[in-house]
Protein backbone atom coordinates (compact mmCIF):
# COMPACT_ATOMS: atom_id res chain seq x y z
CA MET A 1 0.06 0.44 -0.44
CA THR A 2 1.18 3.41 -0.52
CA ALA A 3 2.29 5.52 2.00
CA ILE A 4 0.07 8.95 3.04
CA ALA A 5 0.58 11.60 5.07
CA LEU A 6 -1.47 14.41 5.41
CA THR A 7 -0.14 18.12 6.57
CA ILE A 8 -2.49 21.10 7.51
CA ALA A 9 -0.37 23.42 7.51
CA GLY A 10 0.24 27.35 6.40
CA SER A 11 0.43 27.73 2.62
CA ASP A 12 4.54 29.27 1.76
CA SER A 13 4.02 31.51 -1.59
CA GLY A 14 7.90 31.86 -1.62
CA GLY A 15 7.34 27.88 -0.92
CA GLY A 16 10.28 27.45 1.47
CA ALA A 17 7.98 26.50 4.30
CA GLY A 18 4.73 25.00 5.19
CA VAL A 19 2.45 23.27 3.00
CA GLN A 20 4.91 23.46 0.18
CA ALA A 21 8.26 22.19 2.49
CA ASP A 22 6.28 19.24 3.22
CA LEU A 23 4.76 18.18 0.32
CA LYS A 24 8.95 18.24 -1.01
CA THR A 25 10.05 16.49 1.99
CA PHE A 26 6.75 13.84 1.56
CA ALA A 27 8.07 13.15 -1.81
CA ALA A 28 11.56 13.14 -1.20
CA LEU A 29 10.99 10.26 1.28
CA GLY A 30 8.90 8.08 -0.87
CA VAL A 31 5.52 9.35 0.96
CA TYR A 32 2.56 10.80 -0.74
CA GLY A 33 0.96 13.82 0.66
CA ALA A 34 -2.22 15.46 0.92
CA SER A 35 -3.35 19.15 2.28
CA ALA A 36 -5.71 21.30 3.71
CA LEU A 37 -4.36 24.67 3.93
CA THR A 38 -5.52 26.60 7.01
CA ALA A 39 -3.51 30.08 6.39
CA LEU A 40 -2.56 31.90 2.45
CA THR A 41 0.95 34.28 3.44
CA ALA A 42 2.61 36.70 1.48
CA GLN A 43 5.83 35.75 1.67
CA ASN A 44 9.10 35.44 0.28
CA THR A 45 12.80 34.51 1.89
CA LEU A 46 12.81 37.87 2.92
CA GLY A 47 9.91 37.94 5.43
CA VAL A 48 5.70 37.73 5.51
CA ASP A 49 4.05 40.54 3.83
CA ALA A 50 0.17 39.56 4.89
CA VAL A 51 -1.71 36.64 6.06
CA LEU A 52 -5.14 35.85 5.53
CA ALA A 53 -6.94 32.45 7.68
CA VAL A 54 -8.75 30.17 5.93
CA PRO A 55 -12.45 30.12 7.10
CA PRO A 56 -12.86 27.56 10.20
CA ASP A 57 -15.36 25.70 8.30
CA PHE A 58 -13.42 25.58 4.54
CA VAL A 59 -10.61 24.05 6.91
CA ARG A 60 -12.73 21.06 8.32
CA ALA A 61 -14.65 20.40 4.83
CA GLN A 62 -10.50 19.69 3.42
CA ILE A 63 -10.24 17.55 6.56
CA TRP A 64 -13.11 15.66 5.78
CA ALA A 65 -13.14 15.42 1.91
CA VAL A 66 -9.21 13.33 2.42
CA ALA A 67 -10.45 11.34 5.05
CA ARG A 68 -13.11 10.00 3.57
CA ASP A 69 -11.48 9.01 0.57
CA LEU A 70 -7.52 7.83 1.46
CA GLN A 71 -6.05 5.75 3.90
CA VAL A 72 -4.09 8.60 5.93
CA GLY A 73 -1.09 7.21 7.74
CA ALA A 74 0.33 10.07 9.43
CA ILE A 75 -0.36 13.87 9.54
CA LYS A 76 1.58 16.45 10.01
CA ILE A 77 -0.34 19.85 11.79
CA GLY A 78 1.24 22.96 11.29
CA MET A 79 0.41 26.86 11.28
CA LEU A 80 -2.95 27.38 12.83
CA ALA A 81 -3.46 31.55 12.89
CA THR A 82 -6.67 31.13 15.17
CA ALA A 83 -8.36 29.62 17.90
CA PRO A 84 -11.52 28.85 15.53
CA ILE A 85 -8.87 27.30 12.98
CA ILE A 86 -6.96 25.37 15.86
CA GLY A 87 -10.79 23.92 16.91
CA ALA A 88 -11.59 22.87 13.09
CA VAL A 89 -8.74 21.33 12.93
CA ALA A 90 -9.20 19.27 16.67
CA ASP A 91 -12.85 17.99 15.43
CA GLY A 92 -11.42 17.44 12.38
CA LEU A 93 -8.15 14.83 13.89
CA ALA A 94 -11.84 12.73 14.72
CA ASP A 95 -11.85 11.64 11.50
CA PHE A 96 -8.41 10.25 12.19
CA PRO A 97 -8.66 7.47 14.73
CA GLY A 98 -5.51 6.20 15.58
CA VAL A 99 -3.85 8.03 13.20
CA PRO A 100 -0.30 9.73 14.71
CA VAL A 101 -0.72 13.57 14.86
CA VAL A 102 3.10 15.11 14.50
CA LEU A 103 2.24 18.97 15.62
CA ASP A 104 4.91 21.76 14.65
CA PRO A 105 3.45 25.03 16.46
CA VAL A 106 4.29 27.52 14.27
CA MET A 107 3.95 30.53 15.91
CA VAL A 108 7.16 32.25 13.89
CA ALA A 109 8.62 32.79 10.94
CA ALA A 110 12.60 32.29 10.34
CA SER A 111 11.89 36.33 9.62
CA GLY A 112 10.96 36.96 12.67
CA ASP A 113 7.53 37.85 11.99
CA ALA A 114 4.35 36.31 13.78
CA LEU A 115 2.01 33.30 12.52
CA VAL A 116 -0.27 33.27 15.01
CA ASP A 117 -2.71 35.44 17.06
CA LYS A 118 -1.62 35.67 20.83
CA ASP A 119 -5.27 33.81 22.08
CA ALA A 120 -4.43 30.69 19.75
CA ILE A 121 -1.66 30.09 21.91
CA ALA A 122 -4.64 29.13 24.52
CA THR A 123 -6.39 26.56 22.50
CA LEU A 124 -3.44 25.06 21.10
CA ARG A 125 -2.19 23.86 24.31
CA ALA A 126 -5.35 22.75 26.30
CA ARG A 127 -7.45 21.45 22.07
CA LEU A 128 -4.53 20.25 20.55
CA LEU A 129 -1.40 18.91 22.99
CA PRO A 130 -3.43 15.83 24.36
CA LEU A 131 -4.22 14.64 21.17
CA ALA A 132 -0.75 15.34 19.65
CA THR A 133 1.65 11.62 19.13
CA LEU A 134 4.92 14.04 19.46
CA ILE A 135 4.72 17.78 19.32
CA THR A 136 7.96 19.63 17.92
CA PRO A 137 8.64 23.13 19.31
CA ASN A 138 11.45 25.09 19.06
CA LEU A 139 13.28 26.95 22.27
CA PRO A 140 10.74 30.03 22.11
CA GLU A 141 6.98 28.54 21.17
CA ALA A 142 8.69 25.65 24.16
CA ALA A 143 9.09 29.37 26.21
CA ALA A 144 5.72 30.37 24.83
CA LEU A 145 3.68 27.33 25.44
CA LEU A 146 4.73 26.99 28.74
CA GLU A 147 4.61 30.59 29.34
CA LYS A 148 8.11 30.77 30.53
CA ASP A 149 11.55 32.04 29.85
CA GLU A 150 13.50 29.86 27.04
CA ALA A 151 15.70 27.04 28.22
CA VAL A 152 19.92 27.72 27.92
CA ASP A 153 20.93 24.47 28.18
CA GLU A 154 20.15 20.54 27.22
CA ALA A 155 19.07 20.41 31.03
CA GLY A 156 16.29 23.01 30.73
CA MET A 157 15.16 22.00 27.07
CA ASP A 158 14.48 18.21 28.74
CA ARG A 159 12.80 20.07 31.92
CA GLN A 160 10.72 22.20 29.28
CA ALA A 161 10.42 18.54 27.43
CA GLN A 162 8.40 16.88 30.52
CA GLU A 163 6.37 20.03 31.73
CA LEU A 164 4.65 19.51 28.66
CA ARG A 165 4.03 16.14 28.63
CA LYS A 166 2.92 17.00 31.83
CA ARG A 167 0.48 19.39 30.23
CA GLY A 168 -0.89 16.39 28.23
CA ALA A 169 1.60 16.03 25.47
CA ASN A 170 2.58 12.18 24.66
CA ALA A 171 6.07 13.29 23.42
CA VAL A 172 7.88 16.03 22.87
CA LEU A 173 11.17 16.72 20.55
CA ILE A 174 12.20 20.25 21.67
CA LYS A 175 14.47 21.88 19.00
CA GLY A 176 17.74 23.30 20.00
CA GLY A 177 18.08 25.29 16.68
CA HIS A 178 18.01 28.80 17.55
CA ALA A 179 20.65 27.71 20.70
CA LYS A 180 24.42 28.16 19.87
CA GLY A 181 26.94 25.68 20.01
CA ASN A 182 29.12 23.93 17.38
CA MET A 183 26.03 21.17 17.44
CA ALA A 184 22.64 21.34 16.77
CA VAL A 185 21.26 19.09 19.74
CA ASP A 186 17.54 18.48 20.15
CA MET A 187 16.08 17.42 23.10
CA TYR A 188 13.54 13.92 22.91
CA ARG A 189 11.47 13.04 26.13
CA ASP A 190 8.20 9.88 25.48
CA ALA A 191 6.94 7.64 28.74
CA LEU A 192 10.04 5.87 27.88
CA GLY A 193 12.16 8.56 28.41
CA GLU A 194 14.77 11.08 27.24
CA MET A 195 17.05 11.08 23.88
CA ARG A 196 18.92 13.43 22.81
CA PHE A 197 19.56 13.92 19.38
CA ALA A 198 22.96 16.00 17.83
CA ALA A 199 24.51 17.11 14.78
CA PRO A 200 26.69 18.80 13.24
CA ARG A 201 25.71 23.23 12.88
CA ILE A 202 25.55 23.79 9.00
CA GLU A 203 26.92 27.69 8.67
CA THR A 204 24.25 28.06 5.48
CA ARG A 205 21.47 31.42 6.45
CA ASN A 206 19.15 28.91 4.23
CA THR A 207 17.38 27.57 6.72
CA HIS A 208 13.49 28.79 6.05
CA GLY A 209 11.40 25.98 6.30
CA THR A 210 13.90 23.91 8.45
CA GLY A 211 10.89 23.17 11.05
CA CYS A 212 8.43 22.59 9.08
CA THR A 213 11.16 20.34 7.05
CA LEU A 214 11.80 18.32 10.81
CA SER A 215 8.04 17.99 11.13
CA SER A 216 6.91 16.36 8.15
CA ALA A 217 9.86 14.40 7.96
CA ILE A 218 8.50 12.46 11.23
CA ALA A 219 5.19 12.23 9.73
CA ALA A 220 6.31 10.45 6.51
CA GLU A 221 7.95 7.81 8.51
CA LEU A 222 4.91 6.99 10.54
CA ALA A 223 3.21 6.74 7.91
CA LYS A 224 6.10 4.58 6.99
CA GLY A 225 5.25 2.81 10.15
CA VAL A 226 8.27 3.03 11.40
CA SER A 227 8.49 3.63 15.30
CA LEU A 228 8.24 7.28 17.01
CA ARG A 229 12.44 6.86 17.75
CA GLU A 230 12.78 5.72 15.01
CA ALA A 231 10.79 8.32 12.78
CA VAL A 232 12.85 11.61 14.97
CA ALA A 233 16.88 9.85 13.82
CA THR A 234 15.60 9.61 10.17
CA ALA A 235 13.96 12.59 10.01
CA LYS A 236 17.47 14.83 11.78
CA ALA A 237 19.56 12.94 9.43
CA TYR A 238 17.58 14.01 6.35
CA LEU A 239 17.11 17.42 7.42
CA THR A 240 20.67 18.04 8.50
CA GLU A 241 22.14 16.76 4.83
CA ALA A 242 19.20 19.38 3.96
CA LEU A 243 21.13 22.22 4.97
CA ARG A 244 24.15 20.87 4.29
CA HIS A 245 23.56 20.83 0.36
CA ALA A 246 20.99 24.20 0.90
CA ASP A 247 23.78 26.45 -0.44
CA ALA A 248 23.24 24.78 -3.56
CA LEU A 249 20.36 26.61 -4.18
CA ALA A 250 20.28 30.37 -4.66
CA ILE A 251 16.68 31.43 -4.16
CA GLY A 252 15.74 34.56 -3.31
CA LYS A 253 17.67 37.63 -1.43
CA GLY A 254 16.74 36.64 2.33
CA ARG A 255 16.98 33.51 4.24
CA GLY A 256 17.04 30.80 1.18
CA PRO A 257 14.63 27.68 1.30
CA VAL A 258 16.92 24.06 2.54
CA HIS A 259 17.50 21.22 -0.41
CA HIS A 260 15.18 18.77 0.05
CA PHE A 261 15.75 17.32 -2.90
CA HIS A 262 19.40 17.31 -2.30
CA GLU A 263 19.81 13.57 -2.85
CA TRP A 264 17.85 13.62 -6.27
CA TRP A 265 18.61 16.65 -7.99
CA GLU A 266 22.51 16.01 -7.79
CA ARG A 267 22.10 12.45 -9.30
CA GLY A 268 20.66 14.12 -12.46
C-alpha cells in the first residue's frame, strides 16, 4: 500500500516553508502527500507581508474530504493562525482514529514575523496538545507554550519537555536550532525517558522551512510504519543533509530554503 501523509498547515508563496515544504519533504522520502490549507501567506525569503486565514468551516471541509477517500498513515500539523481554526482541526482529527499526529506549533517565521494570534496559543495548548503523538516546538515556542523563559541548555530543554508532557503532550521534541554551539541538539522525551539527537551545526543562512521540514519528515516516516523514535532519528538525519546542501540552491535575497531534493537533483 502506498504510504500517505496529510499536512494541515499554511501556504508559503515563496515555496520554502509551510505546506510547500511539507509536500516536498513527503515526496523526497517516498510518501504521497495530501494537504488541508489553514492560511495563505504572502511571503518570500525576506519575510511575511500578509496572512489570510482560511475560514474554519473550509479547513474542516478539506480535512473531511481527505478522510473520506484517502488511507492516511500520519498527519503533520503546522501553522494554525486562529483559535477557531485550531478548534476545527481538533474536531477534524476525529476522522482519523489511531493515526499518529505530529504537531509543529508554528508561531513565528524564521524572519521573526508572527504567524499566530496570541489568543490562539491557549487554545492550541488545551485542544491539540493532548491529541498529538509528538509535538516539535523550538526553544521560543516551548517557552511560549509554558509561559516561561527560553531554556538555555540541554538540561533546561529536557525540563521543559517534561513539563509539556505533564500538560498533556504524549512525546516532545524540543529543537535546539536557536541555541549556540557547534552541535545542533534536539531533546526528546516520551514515556520511556529522554533521548538526545545531535548533529553538527551547518553554517548556512538558508534555513527557511527547517521546522516544517523536520516535522513533516517525522510524519513521513510514521506513515511508513516505523516507530516514533526511529522516525525522529531518520528525520533529523534528512534535515541535516538538506541543510548541508542548502547552499547549492540560489533562491531569493534573504533566508533561502533547505534543499529538500538534494539527493535526487544531484543524481541528475
